[in-house]
Amino acid sequence: MALSAIRIDHPGDGEWVMQLAGGGRFVTGDDHCFLTTWLGERAGGFVACEYTGNAMMMHMGSINPRWLTRTLLWMAFDYPFRQLGVGKVIAPIRADNLAAFKLVRRLGADFETRIRDVYAPDVDMLMLTMTRERCPWLIPPRVATWRVGANG
């Protein structure tokens, strides 16, 4: 068994990431999950959802610091920007999750706005965005060409 692996749309993974991200619903068939496993266990991942034509939401959640790999980043951002052709991804972050906010900023997203009382009274949503032109994760690592749905 490899130390780590990446799964796409594996049953239960999307719901797991959404729960870690602060709640929300994963819609099988519409939404997609890109997840890293470590020693066969879920480590962390992204959910791409809410496709609007020019934008898409991206949620993330993790429990293991080894979850965020270059290959996972490429797959998670290649899907909306190259495969769907969106111009912007939107990352909704709980205002009380400073670690997630800092990570999304380090990945290259910009703070765009705050929506008050979304998760609970006094727990706001911070909206961070990244455009295709500013995305640093579109150069493929040493991985074969792939598409969501191509491998089951």
N, C-alpha and C. Protein backbone atom coordinates (compact mmCIF):
# COMPACT_ATOMS: atom_id res chain seq x y z
N MET A 1 0.85 -1.18 0.00
CA MET A 1 0.00 0.00 0.00
C MET A 1 0.89 1.24 0.00
N ALA A 2 0.53 2.19 -0.85
CA ALA A 2 1.24 3.47 -0.90
C ALA A 2 0.92 4.27 0.36
N LEU A 3 1.86 5.12 0.76
CA LEU A 3 1.61 5.97 1.92
C LEU A 3 0.43 6.90 1.67
N SER A 4 0.38 7.49 0.47
CA SER A 4 -0.73 8.39 0.15
C SER A 4 -1.28 8.07 -1.23
N ALA A 5 -2.52 8.43 -1.43
CA ALA A 5 -3.18 8.25 -2.72
C ALA A 5 -4.22 9.35 -2.86
N ILE A 6 -4.64 9.59 -4.10
CA ILE A 6 -5.68 10.58 -4.37
C ILE A 6 -6.89 9.84 -4.92
N ARG A 7 -8.05 10.18 -4.36
CA ARG A 7 -9.31 9.61 -4.83
C ARG A 7 -10.17 10.73 -5.39
N ILE A 8 -10.93 10.40 -6.43
CA ILE A 8 -11.87 11.36 -7.02
C ILE A 8 -13.26 10.76 -6.92
N ASP A 9 -14.17 11.49 -6.29
CA ASP A 9 -15.58 11.10 -6.19
C ASP A 9 -15.80 9.73 -5.58
N HIS A 10 -14.98 9.38 -4.61
CA HIS A 10 -15.17 8.12 -3.88
C HIS A 10 -16.38 8.26 -2.94
N PRO A 11 -17.24 7.26 -2.86
CA PRO A 11 -18.44 7.37 -2.02
C PRO A 11 -18.12 7.82 -0.58
N GLY A 12 -18.84 8.82 -0.14
CA GLY A 12 -18.71 9.33 1.23
C GLY A 12 -17.66 10.42 1.41
N ASP A 13 -16.72 10.55 0.47
CA ASP A 13 -15.65 11.54 0.64
C ASP A 13 -16.17 12.97 0.58
N GLY A 14 -17.06 13.26 -0.34
CA GLY A 14 -17.58 14.62 -0.47
C GLY A 14 -18.33 15.07 0.77
N GLU A 15 -19.16 14.18 1.32
CA GLU A 15 -19.90 14.51 2.54
C GLU A 15 -18.92 14.75 3.69
N TRP A 16 -17.87 13.95 3.77
CA TRP A 16 -16.86 14.08 4.82
C TRP A 16 -16.17 15.45 4.74
N VAL A 17 -15.74 15.85 3.54
CA VAL A 17 -15.08 17.16 3.37
C VAL A 17 -16.05 18.28 3.73
N MET A 18 -17.29 18.18 3.27
CA MET A 18 -18.26 19.24 3.56
C MET A 18 -18.52 19.37 5.06
N GLN A 19 -18.56 18.27 5.76
CA GLN A 19 -18.74 18.31 7.21
C GLN A 19 -17.57 19.04 7.88
N LEU A 20 -16.35 18.72 7.46
CA LEU A 20 -15.18 19.39 8.02
C LEU A 20 -15.15 20.88 7.66
N ALA A 21 -15.69 21.22 6.50
CA ALA A 21 -15.67 22.61 6.03
C ALA A 21 -16.71 23.48 6.72
N GLY A 22 -17.53 22.89 7.56
CA GLY A 22 -18.50 23.70 8.29
C GLY A 22 -19.93 23.38 7.96
N GLY A 23 -20.14 22.30 7.28
CA GLY A 23 -21.51 21.92 6.92
C GLY A 23 -21.76 22.18 5.45
N GLY A 24 -22.93 21.97 5.05
CA GLY A 24 -23.26 22.09 3.63
C GLY A 24 -23.56 20.72 3.08
N ARG A 25 -24.08 20.70 1.89
CA ARG A 25 -24.54 19.46 1.29
C ARG A 25 -23.70 19.10 0.09
N PHE A 26 -23.35 17.86 -0.04
CA PHE A 26 -22.65 17.33 -1.21
C PHE A 26 -23.68 16.63 -2.08
N VAL A 27 -23.78 17.03 -3.34
CA VAL A 27 -24.76 16.45 -4.25
C VAL A 27 -24.04 15.52 -5.22
N THR A 28 -24.18 14.23 -4.99
CA THR A 28 -23.54 13.23 -5.84
C THR A 28 -24.03 13.41 -7.27
N GLY A 29 -23.11 13.43 -8.20
CA GLY A 29 -23.44 13.61 -9.61
C GLY A 29 -23.28 15.04 -10.09
N ASP A 30 -23.48 16.01 -9.19
CA ASP A 30 -23.28 17.42 -9.53
C ASP A 30 -21.96 17.94 -8.98
N ASP A 31 -21.65 17.56 -7.74
CA ASP A 31 -20.45 18.04 -7.07
C ASP A 31 -19.34 17.00 -7.22
N HIS A 32 -18.10 17.44 -7.04
CA HIS A 32 -16.96 16.52 -7.17
C HIS A 32 -16.01 16.70 -6.01
N CYS A 33 -15.44 15.58 -5.57
CA CYS A 33 -14.52 15.59 -4.44
C CYS A 33 -13.17 15.05 -4.88
N PHE A 34 -12.12 15.76 -4.50
CA PHE A 34 -10.73 15.37 -4.74
C PHE A 34 -10.10 15.20 -3.36
N LEU A 35 -9.68 14.00 -3.01
CA LEU A 35 -9.29 13.72 -1.64
C LEU A 35 -7.98 12.93 -1.57
N THR A 36 -7.14 13.29 -0.61
CA THR A 36 -5.92 12.55 -0.34
C THR A 36 -6.15 11.60 0.82
N THR A 37 -5.66 10.38 0.66
CA THR A 37 -5.65 9.44 1.78
C THR A 37 -4.21 9.29 2.26
N TRP A 38 -4.07 8.99 3.54
CA TRP A 38 -2.76 8.72 4.13
C TRP A 38 -2.88 7.40 4.87
N LEU A 39 -2.08 6.43 4.47
CA LEU A 39 -2.13 5.08 5.04
C LEU A 39 -3.55 4.50 4.97
N GLY A 40 -4.24 4.79 3.86
CA GLY A 40 -5.57 4.25 3.62
C GLY A 40 -6.71 5.00 4.28
N GLU A 41 -6.42 6.02 5.07
CA GLU A 41 -7.46 6.80 5.77
C GLU A 41 -7.59 8.18 5.13
N ARG A 42 -8.80 8.74 5.18
CA ARG A 42 -9.01 10.10 4.66
C ARG A 42 -8.11 11.08 5.40
N ALA A 43 -7.44 11.93 4.63
CA ALA A 43 -6.56 12.94 5.22
C ALA A 43 -7.11 14.35 5.01
N GLY A 44 -7.62 14.63 3.82
CA GLY A 44 -8.16 15.95 3.52
C GLY A 44 -8.46 16.06 2.05
N GLY A 45 -9.27 17.05 1.70
CA GLY A 45 -9.61 17.20 0.30
C GLY A 45 -10.40 18.46 -0.01
N PHE A 46 -10.77 18.55 -1.28
CA PHE A 46 -11.54 19.67 -1.81
C PHE A 46 -12.86 19.15 -2.36
N VAL A 47 -13.89 19.98 -2.28
CA VAL A 47 -15.15 19.73 -2.96
C VAL A 47 -15.39 20.90 -3.90
N ALA A 48 -15.64 20.60 -5.17
CA ALA A 48 -16.00 21.60 -6.17
C ALA A 48 -17.51 21.49 -6.40
N CYS A 49 -18.22 22.61 -6.24
CA CYS A 49 -19.68 22.57 -6.34
C CYS A 49 -20.22 23.93 -6.75
N GLU A 50 -21.54 24.00 -6.89
CA GLU A 50 -22.23 25.26 -7.18
C GLU A 50 -21.71 25.92 -8.47
N TYR A 51 -21.59 25.13 -9.53
CA TYR A 51 -21.15 25.63 -10.83
C TYR A 51 -22.17 26.61 -11.38
N THR A 52 -21.74 27.83 -11.74
CA THR A 52 -22.66 28.84 -12.25
C THR A 52 -22.38 29.21 -13.71
N GLY A 53 -21.38 28.63 -14.30
CA GLY A 53 -21.00 28.99 -15.67
C GLY A 53 -19.65 29.67 -15.67
N ASN A 54 -19.52 30.78 -14.93
CA ASN A 54 -18.22 31.46 -14.85
C ASN A 54 -17.57 31.34 -13.49
N ALA A 55 -18.22 30.70 -12.54
CA ALA A 55 -17.64 30.56 -11.20
C ALA A 55 -18.06 29.23 -10.60
N MET A 56 -17.35 28.84 -9.56
CA MET A 56 -17.62 27.59 -8.86
C MET A 56 -17.12 27.72 -7.44
N MET A 57 -17.84 27.13 -6.51
CA MET A 57 -17.41 27.11 -5.11
C MET A 57 -16.40 25.99 -4.91
N MET A 58 -15.45 26.21 -4.01
CA MET A 58 -14.48 25.19 -3.60
C MET A 58 -14.44 25.19 -2.07
N HIS A 59 -14.75 24.03 -1.48
CA HIS A 59 -14.66 23.85 -0.04
C HIS A 59 -13.48 22.92 0.24
N MET A 60 -12.92 23.04 1.44
CA MET A 60 -11.83 22.13 1.80
C MET A 60 -11.95 21.75 3.26
N GLY A 61 -11.39 20.60 3.58
CA GLY A 61 -11.36 20.14 4.96
C GLY A 61 -10.27 19.09 5.10
N SER A 62 -9.65 19.03 6.28
CA SER A 62 -8.58 18.06 6.49
C SER A 62 -8.44 17.73 7.97
N ILE A 63 -7.83 16.57 8.23
CA ILE A 63 -7.50 16.17 9.59
C ILE A 63 -6.04 15.74 9.71
N ASN A 64 -5.31 15.74 8.60
CA ASN A 64 -3.93 15.28 8.59
C ASN A 64 -3.08 16.31 7.85
N PRO A 65 -1.98 16.76 8.43
CA PRO A 65 -1.17 17.78 7.76
C PRO A 65 -0.54 17.31 6.44
N ARG A 66 -0.57 16.03 6.15
CA ARG A 66 0.02 15.51 4.91
C ARG A 66 -0.96 15.49 3.74
N TRP A 67 -2.12 16.07 3.90
CA TRP A 67 -3.17 15.97 2.89
C TRP A 67 -2.91 16.80 1.65
N LEU A 68 -2.27 17.95 1.78
CA LEU A 68 -2.19 18.92 0.69
C LEU A 68 -0.96 18.67 -0.17
N THR A 69 -1.15 17.96 -1.28
CA THR A 69 -0.04 17.64 -2.17
C THR A 69 -0.14 18.48 -3.44
N ARG A 70 0.97 18.59 -4.13
CA ARG A 70 1.02 19.33 -5.39
C ARG A 70 0.05 18.71 -6.41
N THR A 71 0.00 17.39 -6.44
CA THR A 71 -0.89 16.70 -7.38
C THR A 71 -2.35 16.98 -7.05
N LEU A 72 -2.71 16.96 -5.78
CA LEU A 72 -4.08 17.25 -5.39
C LEU A 72 -4.46 18.68 -5.77
N LEU A 73 -3.56 19.63 -5.53
CA LEU A 73 -3.83 21.02 -5.89
C LEU A 73 -4.05 21.15 -7.40
N TRP A 74 -3.20 20.51 -8.17
CA TRP A 74 -3.36 20.58 -9.63
C TRP A 74 -4.71 20.00 -10.04
N MET A 75 -5.07 18.82 -9.53
CA MET A 75 -6.35 18.21 -9.90
C MET A 75 -7.53 19.09 -9.48
N ALA A 76 -7.49 19.61 -8.27
CA ALA A 76 -8.60 20.40 -7.75
C ALA A 76 -8.80 21.70 -8.54
N PHE A 77 -7.72 22.32 -9.02
CA PHE A 77 -7.86 23.57 -9.76
C PHE A 77 -7.94 23.37 -11.27
N ASP A 78 -7.38 22.30 -11.78
CA ASP A 78 -7.49 21.99 -13.20
C ASP A 78 -8.96 21.75 -13.57
N TYR A 79 -9.68 21.07 -12.70
CA TYR A 79 -11.08 20.75 -13.00
C TYR A 79 -11.92 22.00 -13.26
N PRO A 80 -12.01 22.97 -12.35
CA PRO A 80 -12.85 24.13 -12.66
C PRO A 80 -12.28 25.03 -13.76
N PHE A 81 -10.97 25.28 -13.70
CA PHE A 81 -10.39 26.26 -14.61
C PHE A 81 -10.20 25.72 -16.03
N ARG A 82 -9.68 24.52 -16.17
CA ARG A 82 -9.41 23.99 -17.51
C ARG A 82 -10.54 23.14 -18.06
N GLN A 83 -11.04 22.21 -17.25
CA GLN A 83 -12.06 21.31 -17.78
C GLN A 83 -13.42 21.99 -17.94
N LEU A 84 -13.81 22.84 -16.97
CA LEU A 84 -15.09 23.54 -17.07
C LEU A 84 -14.96 24.92 -17.70
N GLY A 85 -13.77 25.51 -17.64
CA GLY A 85 -13.56 26.83 -18.22
C GLY A 85 -14.07 27.99 -17.39
N VAL A 86 -14.23 27.79 -16.06
CA VAL A 86 -14.68 28.90 -15.24
C VAL A 86 -13.60 29.96 -15.11
N GLY A 87 -14.01 31.17 -14.80
CA GLY A 87 -13.06 32.26 -14.64
C GLY A 87 -12.66 32.51 -13.20
N LYS A 88 -13.45 31.96 -12.25
CA LYS A 88 -13.21 32.26 -10.84
C LYS A 88 -13.68 31.10 -9.97
N VAL A 89 -12.88 30.78 -8.95
CA VAL A 89 -13.35 29.87 -7.90
C VAL A 89 -13.53 30.68 -6.63
N ILE A 90 -14.53 30.29 -5.86
CA ILE A 90 -14.89 31.01 -4.63
C ILE A 90 -14.74 30.05 -3.47
N ALA A 91 -13.99 30.46 -2.46
CA ALA A 91 -13.78 29.64 -1.27
C ALA A 91 -14.50 30.28 -0.09
N PRO A 92 -15.61 29.70 0.35
CA PRO A 92 -16.28 30.22 1.54
C PRO A 92 -15.60 29.65 2.79
N ILE A 93 -15.19 30.52 3.69
CA ILE A 93 -14.45 30.12 4.89
C ILE A 93 -15.18 30.66 6.12
N ARG A 94 -15.32 29.83 7.14
CA ARG A 94 -15.87 30.31 8.42
C ARG A 94 -14.91 31.35 9.00
N ALA A 95 -15.46 32.46 9.45
CA ALA A 95 -14.63 33.53 10.01
C ALA A 95 -13.90 33.10 11.27
N ASP A 96 -14.39 32.07 11.96
CA ASP A 96 -13.72 31.59 13.16
C ASP A 96 -12.68 30.50 12.85
N ASN A 97 -12.39 30.26 11.58
CA ASN A 97 -11.39 29.26 11.19
C ASN A 97 -10.19 29.98 10.58
N LEU A 98 -9.36 30.56 11.44
CA LEU A 98 -8.21 31.34 11.00
C LEU A 98 -7.21 30.49 10.22
N ALA A 99 -7.01 29.23 10.60
CA ALA A 99 -6.07 28.36 9.89
C ALA A 99 -6.50 28.17 8.44
N ALA A 100 -7.79 27.95 8.20
CA ALA A 100 -8.28 27.78 6.83
C ALA A 100 -8.12 29.07 6.04
N PHE A 101 -8.43 30.19 6.67
CA PHE A 101 -8.27 31.49 6.00
C PHE A 101 -6.82 31.68 5.55
N LYS A 102 -5.88 31.44 6.46
CA LYS A 102 -4.46 31.62 6.13
C LYS A 102 -4.02 30.66 5.03
N LEU A 103 -4.49 29.43 5.07
CA LEU A 103 -4.11 28.45 4.05
C LEU A 103 -4.63 28.87 2.68
N VAL A 104 -5.88 29.27 2.59
CA VAL A 104 -6.45 29.67 1.31
C VAL A 104 -5.74 30.91 0.77
N ARG A 105 -5.35 31.82 1.64
CA ARG A 105 -4.56 32.99 1.20
C ARG A 105 -3.20 32.55 0.67
N ARG A 106 -2.54 31.61 1.36
CA ARG A 106 -1.24 31.10 0.89
C ARG A 106 -1.36 30.38 -0.45
N LEU A 107 -2.52 29.78 -0.70
CA LEU A 107 -2.73 29.10 -1.99
C LEU A 107 -2.93 30.10 -3.13
N GLY A 108 -3.17 31.37 -2.80
CA GLY A 108 -3.26 32.41 -3.83
C GLY A 108 -4.59 33.11 -3.95
N ALA A 109 -5.54 32.82 -3.07
CA ALA A 109 -6.85 33.46 -3.15
C ALA A 109 -6.83 34.84 -2.48
N ASP A 110 -7.71 35.70 -2.93
CA ASP A 110 -7.86 37.04 -2.38
C ASP A 110 -9.15 37.14 -1.59
N PHE A 111 -9.12 37.91 -0.50
CA PHE A 111 -10.34 38.17 0.27
C PHE A 111 -11.24 39.07 -0.57
N GLU A 112 -12.51 38.69 -0.71
CA GLU A 112 -13.43 39.50 -1.50
C GLU A 112 -14.52 40.13 -0.65
N THR A 113 -15.15 39.37 0.26
CA THR A 113 -16.20 39.97 1.07
C THR A 113 -16.50 39.11 2.30
N ARG A 114 -17.29 39.66 3.20
CA ARG A 114 -17.76 38.98 4.40
C ARG A 114 -19.28 39.00 4.40
N ILE A 115 -19.88 37.84 4.70
CA ILE A 115 -21.34 37.76 4.82
C ILE A 115 -21.63 37.41 6.27
N ARG A 116 -22.36 38.24 6.95
CA ARG A 116 -22.57 38.09 8.39
C ARG A 116 -23.58 36.99 8.74
N ASP A 117 -23.32 36.33 9.86
CA ASP A 117 -24.24 35.38 10.50
C ASP A 117 -24.65 34.19 9.62
N VAL A 118 -23.75 33.69 8.80
CA VAL A 118 -24.09 32.58 7.90
C VAL A 118 -24.10 31.24 8.61
N TYR A 119 -23.06 30.95 9.36
CA TYR A 119 -22.93 29.64 9.99
C TYR A 119 -23.69 29.55 11.31
N ALA A 120 -23.81 30.68 11.97
CA ALA A 120 -24.53 30.80 13.25
C ALA A 120 -24.54 32.29 13.58
N PRO A 121 -25.34 32.71 14.56
CA PRO A 121 -25.25 34.10 14.98
C PRO A 121 -23.81 34.44 15.35
N ASP A 122 -23.29 35.51 14.79
CA ASP A 122 -21.93 35.99 15.02
C ASP A 122 -20.84 35.10 14.43
N VAL A 123 -21.19 34.16 13.55
CA VAL A 123 -20.18 33.36 12.82
C VAL A 123 -20.37 33.66 11.34
N ASP A 124 -19.51 34.52 10.83
CA ASP A 124 -19.63 35.02 9.47
C ASP A 124 -18.95 34.09 8.46
N MET A 125 -19.28 34.31 7.19
CA MET A 125 -18.62 33.62 6.09
C MET A 125 -17.70 34.63 5.41
N LEU A 126 -16.45 34.24 5.22
CA LEU A 126 -15.50 35.04 4.46
C LEU A 126 -15.42 34.43 3.07
N MET A 127 -15.55 35.25 2.05
CA MET A 127 -15.49 34.77 0.67
C MET A 127 -14.14 35.16 0.08
N LEU A 128 -13.35 34.15 -0.25
CA LEU A 128 -12.07 34.36 -0.91
C LEU A 128 -12.20 33.85 -2.33
N THR A 129 -11.53 34.50 -3.26
CA THR A 129 -11.65 34.12 -4.66
C THR A 129 -10.29 34.02 -5.33
N MET A 130 -10.25 33.21 -6.39
CA MET A 130 -9.06 33.09 -7.21
C MET A 130 -9.51 33.04 -8.67
N THR A 131 -8.86 33.81 -9.51
CA THR A 131 -9.16 33.78 -10.94
C THR A 131 -8.20 32.81 -11.64
N ARG A 132 -8.62 32.36 -12.80
CA ARG A 132 -7.79 31.44 -13.59
C ARG A 132 -6.42 32.07 -13.88
N GLU A 133 -6.40 33.36 -14.21
CA GLU A 133 -5.14 34.03 -14.55
C GLU A 133 -4.18 34.07 -13.37
N ARG A 134 -4.70 34.08 -12.16
CA ARG A 134 -3.84 34.18 -10.96
C ARG A 134 -3.57 32.84 -10.31
N CYS A 135 -4.11 31.75 -10.84
CA CYS A 135 -3.95 30.44 -10.21
C CYS A 135 -2.57 29.87 -10.48
N PRO A 136 -1.78 29.61 -9.43
CA PRO A 136 -0.44 29.06 -9.61
C PRO A 136 -0.40 27.54 -9.72
N TRP A 137 -1.55 26.86 -9.70
CA TRP A 137 -1.58 25.40 -9.59
C TRP A 137 -1.98 24.70 -10.88
N LEU A 138 -1.88 25.37 -12.03
CA LEU A 138 -2.34 24.77 -13.28
C LEU A 138 -1.25 24.08 -14.09
N ILE A 139 -0.04 24.07 -13.60
CA ILE A 139 1.03 23.33 -14.28
C ILE A 139 0.99 21.91 -13.75
N PRO A 140 0.74 20.93 -14.62
CA PRO A 140 0.59 19.56 -14.12
C PRO A 140 1.89 19.00 -13.57
N PRO A 141 1.81 18.31 -12.44
CA PRO A 141 2.97 17.57 -11.95
C PRO A 141 3.15 16.31 -12.80
N ARG A 142 3.98 15.41 -12.40
CA ARG A 142 4.23 14.19 -13.18
C ARG A 142 3.03 13.25 -13.05
N VAL A 143 1.93 13.60 -13.74
CA VAL A 143 0.70 12.82 -13.68
C VAL A 143 0.14 12.74 -15.10
N ALA A 144 -0.48 11.64 -15.42
CA ALA A 144 -1.10 11.48 -16.73
C ALA A 144 -2.31 12.40 -16.87
N THR A 145 -2.72 12.66 -18.08
CA THR A 145 -3.92 13.44 -18.35
C THR A 145 -5.12 12.71 -17.76
N TRP A 146 -6.05 13.46 -17.23
CA TRP A 146 -7.23 12.87 -16.60
C TRP A 146 -8.42 13.80 -16.76
N ARG A 147 -9.60 13.28 -16.55
CA ARG A 147 -10.83 14.07 -16.52
C ARG A 147 -11.77 13.45 -15.50
N VAL A 148 -12.57 14.28 -14.84
CA VAL A 148 -13.56 13.77 -13.90
C VAL A 148 -14.50 12.84 -14.67
N GLY A 149 -14.75 11.68 -14.11
CA GLY A 149 -15.64 10.72 -14.73
C GLY A 149 -14.98 9.78 -15.72
N ALA A 150 -13.73 10.04 -16.11
CA ALA A 150 -13.06 9.21 -17.10
C ALA A 150 -12.65 7.85 -16.54
N ASN A 151 -12.40 7.79 -15.24
CA ASN A 151 -11.92 6.55 -14.64
C ASN A 151 -12.91 5.97 -13.65
N GLY A 152 -14.17 6.24 -13.84
CA GLY A 152 -15.19 5.68 -12.94
C GLY A 152 -15.56 6.56 -11.90
